Amino acid sequence: MTAHKKFPMEHDKKIALVAHDNKKRDMVEWAKFNRDLLAHHHIFATGTTGKILEKELGFKITKLKSGPLGGDQQIGAKIVEGKIDFLIFFWDPLEPQPHDPDVKALLRLAVVWNIPIANNRASADFMISSPLMDGEYDRLVPDYENYLARKIDLGEKTS
């Protein structure tokens, strides 16, 4: 049985919004439809998505670098630091991305740290309309102390 640590999410969540170029219109439409729900949360977004959303929604968004220029990695680092509660990432499954390894790493970190993820409009609708959105929630994350304390065999050198 794996031990877990509790990471509390406050009433006002820290939400990362990311969208590939072909999905930015969907993200803007979704965010405008959910503007009132998003307005009291702290919103992070990568590059152009953040600029567009801030203009369209009319409230402050913490804007990071563009995804291919390190924004995906910035979001991932904030997840590890506990500064993002969940991720809404409208990615384009039909278009190759130059920063595909960064995208995969971001999604991997979200799973490692048990961050709720929505990768399309339908899942984002279900997530934002959840009763858990407007309350406190304890996110359970595996206790990685055993992993960190594991013995690494460096092998013996023979000369």
Foldseek 3Di string as FASTA:
>chain_A
DFDWDWDKAAQAFEEEEEEDPVCLVVSLVLCLVCLVLNVRHAYEYEDPSLVVNCVSSVDDHHYDYHQVVCPLVVLLVCLVVSNHQAYEYQYDPVDDDPPVVSVVSSVVSCVQSVHDYHHHSVVVVVVSPDPCNRHMDIRIHGDCPCVVPDDDDPDDDDD
